[in-house]
PDB file of N, CA and C in Angstrom:
ATOM      1  N   MET A   1      14.371 -17.333  -5.928  1.00  0.00           N
ATOM      2  CA  MET A   1      13.516 -16.204  -5.587  1.00  0.00           C
ATOM      3  C   MET A   1      12.587 -16.613  -4.450  1.00  0.00           C
ATOM      4  N   SER A   2      12.543 -15.787  -3.428  1.00  0.00           N
ATOM      5  CA  SER A   2      11.626 -16.030  -2.319  1.00  0.00           C
ATOM      6  C   SER A   2      10.280 -15.388  -2.632  1.00  0.00           C
ATOM      7  N   ASN A   3       9.216 -16.176  -2.559  1.00  0.00           N
ATOM      8  CA  ASN A   3       7.878 -15.659  -2.834  1.00  0.00           C
ATOM      9  C   ASN A   3       7.155 -15.212  -1.578  1.00  0.00           C
ATOM     10  N   ALA A   4       7.791 -15.341  -0.414  1.00  0.00           N
ATOM     11  CA  ALA A   4       7.139 -14.971   0.847  1.00  0.00           C
ATOM     12  C   ALA A   4       6.982 -13.458   0.920  1.00  0.00           C
ATOM     13  N   PHE A   5       5.753 -13.007   1.136  1.00  0.00           N
ATOM     14  CA  PHE A   5       5.469 -11.571   1.208  1.00  0.00           C
ATOM     15  C   PHE A   5       5.916 -11.036   2.564  1.00  0.00           C
ATOM     16  N   PRO A   6       6.891 -10.110   2.599  1.00  0.00           N
ATOM     17  CA  PRO A   6       7.453  -9.639   3.870  1.00  0.00           C
ATOM     18  C   PRO A   6       6.547  -8.687   4.643  1.00  0.00           C
ATOM     19  N   GLY A   7       5.479  -8.207   4.027  1.00  0.00           N
ATOM     20  CA  GLY A   7       4.612  -7.244   4.699  1.00  0.00           C
ATOM     21  C   GLY A   7       3.743  -7.830   5.795  1.00  0.00           C
ATOM     22  N   VAL A   8       3.453  -9.121   5.716  1.00  0.00           N
ATOM     23  CA  VAL A   8       2.505  -9.751   6.644  1.00  0.00           C
ATOM     24  C   VAL A   8       2.945  -9.566   8.092  1.00  0.00           C
ATOM     25  N   GLY A   9       2.001  -9.066   8.897  1.00  0.00           N
ATOM     26  CA  GLY A   9       2.260  -8.873  10.320  1.00  0.00           C
ATOM     27  C   GLY A   9       2.984  -7.584  10.647  1.00  0.00           C
ATOM     28  N   HIS A  10       3.160  -6.723   9.645  1.00  0.00           N
ATOM     29  CA  HIS A  10       3.901  -5.479   9.859  1.00  0.00           C
ATOM     30  C   HIS A  10       3.075  -4.264   9.446  1.00  0.00           C
ATOM     31  N   ARG A  11       3.474  -3.120  10.022  1.00  0.00           N
ATOM     32  CA  ARG A  11       2.882  -1.825   9.669  1.00  0.00           C
ATOM     33  C   ARG A  11       3.968  -0.967   9.022  1.00  0.00           C
ATOM     34  N   TYR A  12       3.548  -0.140   8.059  1.00  0.00           N
ATOM     35  CA  TYR A  12       4.491   0.696   7.323  1.00  0.00           C
ATOM     36  C   TYR A  12       3.963   2.121   7.205  1.00  0.00           C
ATOM     37  N   PHE A  13       4.870   3.076   7.381  1.00  0.00           N
ATOM     38  CA  PHE A  13       4.587   4.478   7.088  1.00  0.00           C
ATOM     39  C   PHE A  13       5.003   4.706   5.642  1.00  0.00           C
ATOM     40  N   VAL A  14       4.073   5.225   4.824  1.00  0.00           N
ATOM     41  CA  VAL A  14       4.334   5.443   3.403  1.00  0.00           C
ATOM     42  C   VAL A  14       4.182   6.928   3.100  1.00  0.00           C
ATOM     43  N   ASP A  15       5.200   7.499   2.460  1.00  0.00           N
ATOM     44  CA  ASP A  15       5.188   8.918   2.105  1.00  0.00           C
ATOM     45  C   ASP A  15       5.232   9.050   0.589  1.00  0.00           C
ATOM     46  N   PHE A  16       4.102   9.466   0.018  1.00  0.00           N
ATOM     47  CA  PHE A  16       4.020   9.723  -1.417  1.00  0.00           C
ATOM     48  C   PHE A  16       4.238  11.200  -1.730  1.00  0.00           C
ATOM     49  N   GLN A  17       4.617  11.997  -0.762  1.00  0.00           N
ATOM     50  CA  GLN A  17       4.780  13.446  -0.811  1.00  0.00           C
ATOM     51  C   GLN A  17       3.441  14.154  -0.977  1.00  0.00           C
ATOM     52  N   ALA A  18       2.613  13.760  -1.918  1.00  0.00           N
ATOM     53  CA  ALA A  18       1.292  14.373  -2.080  1.00  0.00           C
ATOM     54  C   ALA A  18       0.351  13.962  -0.952  1.00  0.00           C
ATOM     55  N   PHE A  19       0.608  12.803  -0.368  1.00  0.00           N
ATOM     56  CA  PHE A  19      -0.179  12.302   0.762  1.00  0.00           C
ATOM     57  C   PHE A  19       0.613  11.214   1.466  1.00  0.00           C
ATOM     58  N   ARG A  20       0.163  10.893   2.691  1.00  0.00           N
ATOM     59  CA  ARG A  20       0.821   9.863   3.499  1.00  0.00           C
ATOM     60  C   ARG A  20      -0.223   8.873   3.991  1.00  0.00           C
ATOM     61  N   VAL A  21       0.195   7.628   4.119  1.00  0.00           N
ATOM     62  CA  VAL A  21      -0.682   6.586   4.640  1.00  0.00           C
ATOM     63  C   VAL A  21       0.115   5.656   5.539  1.00  0.00           C
ATOM     64  N   GLU A  22      -0.620   4.908   6.346  1.00  0.00           N
ATOM     65  CA  GLU A  22      -0.036   3.803   7.094  1.00  0.00           C
ATOM     66  C   GLU A  22      -0.692   2.531   6.580  1.00  0.00           C
ATOM     67  N   LEU A  23       0.119   1.535   6.266  1.00  0.00           N
ATOM     68  CA  LEU A  23      -0.379   0.248   5.795  1.00  0.00           C
ATOM     69  C   LEU A  23      -0.143  -0.789   6.877  1.00  0.00           C
ATOM     70  N   ASP A  24      -1.186  -1.533   7.214  1.00  0.00           N
ATOM     71  CA  ASP A  24      -1.113  -2.574   8.245  1.00  0.00           C
ATOM     72  C   ASP A  24      -1.563  -3.889   7.604  1.00  0.00           C
ATOM     73  N   PHE A  25      -0.590  -4.754   7.310  1.00  0.00           N
ATOM     74  CA  PHE A  25      -0.867  -6.020   6.635  1.00  0.00           C
ATOM     75  C   PHE A  25      -1.174  -7.101   7.663  1.00  0.00           C
ATOM     76  N   ALA A  26      -2.436  -7.480   7.782  1.00  0.00           N
ATOM     77  CA  ALA A  26      -2.836  -8.542   8.713  1.00  0.00           C
ATOM     78  C   ALA A  26      -2.474  -9.920   8.157  1.00  0.00           C
ATOM     79  N   SER A  27      -2.533 -10.055   6.833  1.00  0.00           N
ATOM     80  CA  SER A  27      -2.238 -11.331   6.175  1.00  0.00           C
ATOM     81  C   SER A  27      -1.949 -11.047   4.704  1.00  0.00           C
ATOM     82  N   GLU A  28      -1.740 -12.101   3.930  1.00  0.00           N
ATOM     83  CA  GLU A  28      -1.541 -11.918   2.487  1.00  0.00           C
ATOM     84  C   GLU A  28      -2.837 -11.569   1.774  1.00  0.00           C
ATOM     85  N   THR A  29      -3.942 -11.550   2.511  1.00  0.00           N
ATOM     86  CA  THR A  29      -5.226 -11.229   1.885  1.00  0.00           C
ATOM     87  C   THR A  29      -5.950 -10.071   2.561  1.00  0.00           C
ATOM     88  N   SER A  30      -5.380  -9.494   3.615  1.00  0.00           N
ATOM     89  CA  SER A  30      -6.071  -8.427   4.349  1.00  0.00           C
ATOM     90  C   SER A  30      -5.115  -7.296   4.726  1.00  0.00           C
ATOM     91  N   LEU A  31      -5.539  -6.083   4.385  1.00  0.00           N
ATOM     92  CA  LEU A  31      -4.772  -4.870   4.655  1.00  0.00           C
ATOM     93  C   LEU A  31      -5.713  -3.812   5.203  1.00  0.00           C
ATOM     94  N   THR A  32      -5.286  -3.123   6.256  1.00  0.00           N
ATOM     95  CA  THR A  32      -5.981  -1.914   6.691  1.00  0.00           C
ATOM     96  C   THR A  32      -5.070  -0.746   6.368  1.00  0.00           C
ATOM     97  N   TYR A  33      -5.607   0.227   5.630  1.00  0.00           N
ATOM     98  CA  TYR A  33      -4.832   1.431   5.365  1.00  0.00           C
ATOM     99  C   TYR A  33      -5.451   2.582   6.144  1.00  0.00           C
ATOM    100  N   TYR A  34      -4.584   3.465   6.593  1.00  0.00           N
ATOM    101  CA  TYR A  34      -4.991   4.645   7.354  1.00  0.00           C
ATOM    102  C   TYR A  34      -4.511   5.875   6.603  1.00  0.00           C
ATOM    103  N   ASN A  35      -5.419   6.798   6.324  1.00  0.00           N
ATOM    104  CA  ASN A  35      -5.028   8.084   5.770  1.00  0.00           C
ATOM    105  C   ASN A  35      -4.475   8.932   6.899  1.00  0.00           C
ATOM    106  N   LEU A  36      -3.380   9.644   6.632  1.00  0.00           N
ATOM    107  CA  LEU A  36      -2.734  10.457   7.652  1.00  0.00           C
ATOM    108  C   LEU A  36      -2.788  11.927   7.265  1.00  0.00           C
ATOM    109  N   ASP A  37      -3.020  12.793   8.257  1.00  0.00           N
ATOM    110  CA  ASP A  37      -2.963  14.229   7.991  1.00  0.00           C
ATOM    111  C   ASP A  37      -1.504  14.693   8.039  1.00  0.00           C
ATOM    112  N   GLN A  38      -1.281  15.999   7.865  1.00  0.00           N
ATOM    113  CA  GLN A  38       0.083  16.541   7.832  1.00  0.00           C
ATOM    114  C   GLN A  38       0.859  16.270   9.110  1.00  0.00           C
ATOM    115  N   SER A  39       0.145  16.136  10.236  1.00  0.00           N
ATOM    116  CA  SER A  39       0.797  15.884  11.524  1.00  0.00           C
ATOM    117  C   SER A  39       1.009  14.399  11.794  1.00  0.00           C
ATOM    118  N   GLY A  40       0.520  13.549  10.896  1.00  0.00           N
ATOM    119  CA  GLY A  40       0.671  12.109  11.073  1.00  0.00           C
ATOM    120  C   GLY A  40      -0.469  11.452  11.818  1.00  0.00           C
ATOM    121  N   ASN A  41      -1.538  12.215  12.089  1.00  0.00           N
ATOM    122  CA  ASN A  41      -2.706  11.660  12.771  1.00  0.00           C
ATOM    123  C   ASN A  41      -3.563  10.871  11.786  1.00  0.00           C
ATOM    124  N   LYS A  42      -4.113   9.767  12.242  1.00  0.00           N
ATOM    125  CA  LYS A  42      -4.997   8.952  11.411  1.00  0.00           C
ATOM    126  C   LYS A  42      -6.331   9.671  11.255  1.00  0.00           C
ATOM    127  N   VAL A  43      -6.753   9.880   9.996  1.00  0.00           N
ATOM    128  CA  VAL A  43      -7.985  10.624   9.728  1.00  0.00           C
ATOM    129  C   VAL A  43      -8.993   9.822   8.905  1.00  0.00           C
ATOM    130  N   GLY A  44      -8.739   8.576   8.706  1.00  0.00           N
ATOM    131  CA  GLY A  44      -9.661   7.715   7.976  1.00  0.00           C
ATOM    132  C   GLY A  44      -9.000   6.379   7.734  1.00  0.00           C
ATOM    133  N   SER A  45      -9.811   5.341   7.582  1.00  0.00           N
ATOM    134  CA  SER A  45      -9.234   4.016   7.353  1.00  0.00           C
ATOM    135  C   SER A  45     -10.238   3.114   6.661  1.00  0.00           C
ATOM    136  N   GLU A  46      -9.716   2.047   6.111  1.00  0.00           N
ATOM    137  CA  GLU A  46     -10.557   1.006   5.532  1.00  0.00           C
ATOM    138  C   GLU A  46      -9.762  -0.294   5.533  1.00  0.00           C
ATOM    139  N   THR A  47     -10.439  -1.386   5.796  1.00  0.00           N
ATOM    140  CA  THR A  47      -9.830  -2.705   5.678  1.00  0.00           C
ATOM    141  C   THR A  47     -10.289  -3.299   4.356  1.00  0.00           C
ATOM    142  N   VAL A  48      -9.328  -3.753   3.559  1.00  0.00           N
ATOM    143  CA  VAL A  48      -9.623  -4.242   2.216  1.00  0.00           C
ATOM    144  C   VAL A  48      -9.026  -5.636   2.024  1.00  0.00           C
ATOM    145  N   THR A  49      -9.600  -6.350   1.080  1.00  0.00           N
ATOM    146  CA  THR A  49      -9.054  -7.633   0.658  1.00  0.00           C
ATOM    147  C   THR A  49      -8.026  -7.360  -0.427  1.00  0.00           C
ATOM    148  N   ILE A  50      -6.836  -7.923  -0.264  1.00  0.00           N
ATOM    149  CA  ILE A  50      -5.762  -7.675  -1.220  1.00  0.00           C
ATOM    150  C   ILE A  50      -5.360  -8.956  -1.936  1.00  0.00           C
ATOM    151  N   LYS A  51      -4.722  -8.765  -3.079  1.00  0.00           N
ATOM    152  CA  LYS A  51      -4.058  -9.850  -3.796  1.00  0.00           C
ATOM    153  C   LYS A  51      -2.595  -9.470  -3.889  1.00  0.00           C
ATOM    154  N   VAL A  52      -1.725 -10.436  -3.628  1.00  0.00           N
ATOM    155  CA  VAL A  52      -0.281 -10.205  -3.629  1.00  0.00           C
ATOM    156  C   VAL A  52       0.368 -11.186  -4.590  1.00  0.00           C
ATOM    157  N   GLU A  53       1.281 -10.677  -5.410  1.00  0.00           N
ATOM    158  CA  GLU A  53       2.027 -11.543  -6.314  1.00  0.00           C
ATOM    159  C   GLU A  53       3.486 -11.107  -6.330  1.00  0.00           C
ATOM    160  N   ALA A  54       4.391 -12.064  -6.152  1.00  0.00           N
ATOM    161  CA  ALA A  54       5.819 -11.769  -6.234  1.00  0.00           C
ATOM    162  C   ALA A  54       6.188 -11.489  -7.686  1.00  0.00           C
ATOM    163  N   ILE A  55       6.951 -10.412  -7.900  1.00  0.00           N
ATOM    164  CA  ILE A  55       7.447 -10.086  -9.238  1.00  0.00           C
ATOM    165  C   ILE A  55       8.871 -10.619  -9.392  1.00  0.00           C
ATOM    166  N   THR A  56       9.704 -10.308  -8.419  1.00  0.00           N
ATOM    167  CA  THR A  56      11.079 -10.797  -8.346  1.00  0.00           C
ATOM    168  C   THR A  56      11.518 -10.661  -6.899  1.00  0.00           C
ATOM    169  N   ASP A  57      12.752 -10.986  -6.587  1.00  0.00           N
ATOM    170  CA  ASP A  57      13.208 -10.932  -5.196  1.00  0.00           C
ATOM    171  C   ASP A  57      12.905  -9.584  -4.557  1.00  0.00           C
ATOM    172  N   GLY A  58      12.071  -9.585  -3.530  1.00  0.00           N
ATOM    173  CA  GLY A  58      11.782  -8.393  -2.751  1.00  0.00           C
ATOM    174  C   GLY A  58      10.813  -7.409  -3.365  1.00  0.00           C
ATOM    175  N   ILE A  59      10.288  -7.695  -4.553  1.00  0.00           N
ATOM    176  CA  ILE A  59       9.362  -6.778  -5.227  1.00  0.00           C
ATOM    177  C   ILE A  59       8.032  -7.489  -5.429  1.00  0.00           C
ATOM    178  N   PHE A  60       6.947  -6.810  -4.993  1.00  0.00           N
ATOM    179  CA  PHE A  60       5.624  -7.427  -4.996  1.00  0.00           C
ATOM    180  C   PHE A  60       4.585  -6.503  -5.615  1.00  0.00           C
ATOM    181  N   LEU A  61       3.658  -7.117  -6.338  1.00  0.00           N
ATOM    182  CA  LEU A  61       2.475  -6.446  -6.848  1.00  0.00           C
ATOM    183  C   LEU A  61       1.375  -6.659  -5.821  1.00  0.00           C
ATOM    184  N   VAL A  62       0.786  -5.557  -5.324  1.00  0.00           N
ATOM    185  CA  VAL A  62      -0.279  -5.630  -4.318  1.00  0.00           C
ATOM    186  C   VAL A  62      -1.464  -4.837  -4.861  1.00  0.00           C
ATOM    187  N   THR A  63      -2.639  -5.479  -4.946  1.00  0.00           N
ATOM    188  CA  THR A  63      -3.807  -4.831  -5.536  1.00  0.00           C
ATOM    189  C   THR A  63      -5.023  -4.976  -4.643  1.00  0.00           C
ATOM    190  N   TRP A  64      -5.939  -3.991  -4.758  1.00  0.00           N
ATOM    191  CA  TRP A  64      -7.207  -4.090  -4.047  1.00  0.00           C
ATOM    192  C   TRP A  64      -8.226  -3.119  -4.633  1.00  0.00           C
ATOM    193  N   GLN A  65      -9.476  -3.329  -4.243  1.00  0.00           N
ATOM    194  CA  GLN A  65     -10.554  -2.407  -4.587  1.00  0.00           C
ATOM    195  C   GLN A  65     -11.201  -1.939  -3.294  1.00  0.00           C
ATOM    196  N   GLU A  66     -11.414  -0.619  -3.210  1.00  0.00           N
ATOM    197  CA  GLU A  66     -11.996  -0.024  -2.014  1.00  0.00           C
ATOM    198  C   GLU A  66     -13.522  -0.026  -2.094  1.00  0.00           C
ATOM    199  N   SER A  67     -14.157   0.278  -0.990  1.00  0.00           N
ATOM    200  CA  SER A  67     -15.623   0.205  -0.917  1.00  0.00           C
ATOM    201  C   SER A  67     -16.313   1.146  -1.904  1.00  0.00           C
ATOM    202  N   ASP A  68     -15.648   2.258  -2.267  1.00  0.00           N
ATOM    203  CA  ASP A  68     -16.246   3.193  -3.231  1.00  0.00           C
ATOM    204  C   ASP A  68     -15.888   2.841  -4.673  1.00  0.00           C
ATOM    205  N   LYS A  69     -15.282   1.656  -4.867  1.00  0.00           N
ATOM    206  CA  LYS A  69     -14.881   1.108  -6.171  1.00  0.00           C
ATOM    207  C   LYS A  69     -13.567   1.690  -6.694  1.00  0.00           C
ATOM    208  N   THR A  70     -12.863   2.480  -5.888  1.00  0.00           N
ATOM    209  CA  THR A  70     -11.513   2.899  -6.250  1.00  0.00           C
ATOM    210  C   THR A  70     -10.625   1.659  -6.320  1.00  0.00           C
ATOM    211  N   THR A  71      -9.816   1.564  -7.376  1.00  0.00           N
ATOM    212  CA  THR A  71      -8.899   0.449  -7.544  1.00  0.00           C
ATOM    213  C   THR A  71      -7.472   0.935  -7.320  1.00  0.00           C
ATOM    214  N   VAL A  72      -6.705   0.185  -6.530  1.00  0.00           N
ATOM    215  CA  VAL A  72      -5.331   0.557  -6.194  1.00  0.00           C
ATOM    216  C   VAL A  72      -4.395  -0.582  -6.595  1.00  0.00           C
ATOM    217  N   VAL A  73      -3.304  -0.213  -7.258  1.00  0.00           N
ATOM    218  CA  VAL A  73      -2.278  -1.165  -7.664  1.00  0.00           C
ATOM    219  C   VAL A  73      -0.932  -0.631  -7.186  1.00  0.00           C
ATOM    220  N   HIS A  74      -0.254  -1.393  -6.345  1.00  0.00           N
ATOM    221  CA  HIS A  74       1.068  -1.015  -5.836  1.00  0.00           C
ATOM    222  C   HIS A  74       2.135  -1.921  -6.423  1.00  0.00           C
ATOM    223  N   ILE A  75       3.306  -1.354  -6.659  1.00  0.00           N
ATOM    224  CA  ILE A  75       4.534  -2.124  -6.797  1.00  0.00           C
ATOM    225  C   ILE A  75       5.356  -1.756  -5.576  1.00  0.00           C
ATOM    226  N   GLU A  76       5.558  -2.726  -4.688  1.00  0.00           N
ATOM    227  CA  GLU A  76       6.240  -2.500  -3.415  1.00  0.00           C
ATOM    228  C   GLU A  76       7.606  -3.177  -3.461  1.00  0.00           C
ATOM    229  N   ASP A  77       8.659  -2.369  -3.333  1.00  0.00           N
ATOM    230  CA  ASP A  77      10.037  -2.860  -3.386  1.00  0.00           C
ATOM    231  C   ASP A  77      10.589  -2.885  -1.968  1.00  0.00           C
ATOM    232  N   TYR A  78      10.667  -4.073  -1.394  1.00  0.00           N
ATOM    233  CA  TYR A  78      11.123  -4.235  -0.014  1.00  0.00           C
ATOM    234  C   TYR A  78      12.648  -4.258   0.093  1.00  0.00           C
ATOM    235  N   VAL A  79      13.352  -4.216  -1.023  1.00  0.00           N
ATOM    236  CA  VAL A  79      14.809  -4.115  -1.019  1.00  0.00           C
ATOM    237  C   VAL A  79      15.215  -2.648  -0.916  1.00  0.00           C
ATOM    238  N   ARG A  80      14.568  -1.793  -1.713  1.00  0.00           N
ATOM    239  CA  ARG A  80      14.897  -0.364  -1.752  1.00  0.00           C
ATOM    240  C   ARG A  80      13.942   0.500  -0.924  1.00  0.00           C
ATOM    241  N   ASN A  81      12.897  -0.117  -0.374  1.00  0.00           N
ATOM    242  CA  ASN A  81      11.866   0.608   0.388  1.00  0.00           C
ATOM    243  C   ASN A  81      11.227   1.720  -0.440  1.00  0.00           C
ATOM    244  N   THR A  82      10.924   1.389  -1.692  1.00  0.00           N
ATOM    245  CA  THR A  82      10.215   2.316  -2.567  1.00  0.00           C
ATOM    246  C   THR A  82       8.889   1.690  -2.976  1.00  0.00           C
ATOM    247  N   ILE A  83       7.975   2.565  -3.381  1.00  0.00           N
ATOM    248  CA  ILE A  83       6.630   2.106  -3.718  1.00  0.00           C
ATOM    249  C   ILE A  83       6.073   2.993  -4.827  1.00  0.00           C
ATOM    250  N   VAL A  84       5.372   2.375  -5.766  1.00  0.00           N
ATOM    251  CA  VAL A  84       4.642   3.090  -6.805  1.00  0.00           C
ATOM    252  C   VAL A  84       3.187   2.697  -6.647  1.00  0.00           C
ATOM    253  N   THR A  85       2.300   3.693  -6.627  1.00  0.00           N
ATOM    254  CA  THR A  85       0.870   3.394  -6.562  1.00  0.00           C
ATOM    255  C   THR A  85       0.180   3.953  -7.797  1.00  0.00           C
ATOM    256  N   ASN A  86      -0.716   3.164  -8.344  1.00  0.00           N
ATOM    257  CA  ASN A  86      -1.579   3.565  -9.446  1.00  0.00           C
ATOM    258  C   ASN A  86      -3.002   3.479  -8.926  1.00  0.00           C
ATOM    259  N   ILE A  87      -3.719   4.600  -8.995  1.00  0.00           N
ATOM    260  CA  ILE A  87      -5.052   4.682  -8.407  1.00  0.00           C
ATOM    261  C   ILE A  87      -6.053   5.086  -9.482  1.00  0.00           C
ATOM    262  N   THR A  88      -7.068   4.253  -9.674  1.00  0.00           N
ATOM    263  CA  THR A  88      -8.189   4.613 -10.538  1.00  0.00           C
ATOM    264  C   THR A  88      -9.382   4.848  -9.627  1.00  0.00           C
ATOM    265  N   ALA A  89      -9.802   6.107  -9.535  1.00  0.00           N
ATOM    266  CA  ALA A  89     -10.907   6.478  -8.653  1.00  0.00           C
ATOM    267  C   ALA A  89     -12.235   6.007  -9.236  1.00  0.00           C
ATOM    268  N   SER A  90     -13.252   6.056  -8.414  1.00  0.00           N
ATOM    269  CA  SER A  90     -14.577   5.587  -8.843  1.00  0.00           C
ATOM    270  C   SER A  90     -15.125   6.409 -10.012  1.00  0.00           C
ATOM    271  N   ASP A  91     -14.636   7.662 -10.174  1.00  0.00           N
ATOM    272  CA  ASP A  91     -15.066   8.482 -11.314  1.00  0.00           C
ATOM    273  C   ASP A  91     -14.178   8.261 -12.542  1.00  0.00           C
ATOM    274  N   LEU A  92     -13.288   7.248 -12.450  1.00  0.00           N
ATOM    275  CA  LEU A  92     -12.384   6.806 -13.512  1.00  0.00           C
ATOM    276  C   LEU A  92     -11.201   7.741 -13.757  1.00  0.00           C
ATOM    277  N   THR A  93     -10.962   8.714 -12.877  1.00  0.00           N
ATOM    278  CA  THR A  93      -9.733   9.495 -12.972  1.00  0.00           C
ATOM    279  C   THR A  93      -8.577   8.614 -12.520  1.00  0.00           C
ATOM    280  N   PHE A  94      -7.404   8.878 -13.076  1.00  0.00           N
ATOM    281  CA  PHE A  94      -6.236   8.037 -12.820  1.00  0.00           C
ATOM    282  C   PHE A  94      -5.086   8.880 -12.291  1.00  0.00           C
ATOM    283  N   ASP A  95      -4.412   8.376 -11.264  1.00  0.00           N
ATOM    284  CA  ASP A  95      -3.232   9.038 -10.706  1.00  0.00           C
ATOM    285  C   ASP A  95      -2.151   8.009 -10.439  1.00  0.00           C
ATOM    286  N   GLN A  96      -0.912   8.465 -10.532  1.00  0.00           N
ATOM    287  CA  GLN A  96       0.232   7.629 -10.172  1.00  0.00           C
ATOM    288  C   GLN A  96       1.136   8.442  -9.254  1.00  0.00           C
ATOM    289  N   PHE A  97       1.602   7.807  -8.173  1.00  0.00           N
ATOM    290  CA  PHE A  97       2.484   8.457  -7.212  1.00  0.00           C
ATOM    291  C   PHE A  97       3.639   7.522  -6.892  1.00  0.00           C
ATOM    292  N   HIS A  98       4.810   8.123  -6.673  1.00  0.00           N
ATOM    293  CA  HIS A  98       6.007   7.387  -6.261  1.00  0.00           C
ATOM    294  C   HIS A  98       6.336   7.798  -4.838  1.00  0.00           C
ATOM    295  N   GLY A  99       6.738   6.838  -4.017  1.00  0.00           N
ATOM    296  CA  GLY A  99       7.046   7.167  -2.634  1.00  0.00           C
ATOM    297  C   GLY A  99       8.050   6.224  -2.017  1.00  0.00           C
ATOM    298  N   THR A 100       8.226   6.429  -0.722  1.00  0.00           N
ATOM    299  CA  THR A 100       9.107   5.587   0.079  1.00  0.00           C
ATOM    300  C   THR A 100       8.315   5.056   1.262  1.00  0.00           C
ATOM    301  N   PHE A 101       8.814   3.974   1.863  1.00  0.00           N
ATOM    302  CA  PHE A 101       8.142   3.453   3.049  1.00  0.00           C
ATOM    303  C   PHE A 101       9.162   2.921   4.040  1.00  0.00           C
ATOM    304  N   ARG A 102       8.722   2.880   5.302  1.00  0.00           N
ATOM    305  CA  ARG A 102       9.562   2.309   6.355  1.00  0.00           C
ATOM    306  C   ARG A 102       8.672   1.551   7.323  1.00  0.00           C
ATOM    307  N   GLN A 103       9.226   0.479   7.847  1.00  0.00           N
ATOM    308  CA  GLN A 103       8.477  -0.343   8.799  1.00  0.00           C
ATOM    309  C   GLN A 103       8.361   0.389  10.122  1.00  0.00           C
ATOM    310  N   LEU A 104       7.176   0.311  10.725  1.00  0.00           N
ATOM    311  CA  LEU A 104       6.931   0.918  12.030  1.00  0.00           C
ATOM    312  C   LEU A 104       7.143  -0.114  13.128  1.00  0.00           C
ATOM    313  N   PRO A 105       7.533   0.358  14.322  1.00  0.00           N
ATOM    314  CA  PRO A 105       7.741  -0.591  15.433  1.00  0.00           C
ATOM    315  C   PRO A 105       6.443  -1.235  15.882  1.00  0.00           C
TER     316      PRO A 105
END
């Protein structure tokens, strides 16, 4: 099993259908996410400290906490280009979304 996180140094377009984001992995510990509007324009962003753990070949657990105390947990499958996000907002509401992602040039 390769434990090397393939996201480092790459940007990804992620479509959860309910919303879209761009993920820009600067390192195994730093991610900038961009919220995208319906046209794909960046309408907000934050750089967060992340933790990454390999689950199995090509599948990674990626977690972080945002400045407003929202907690995000991803399962990112780099073999199938699928992603599951679990979000606990600062008001303790919980949401789960399934999506797809593709690497940007």
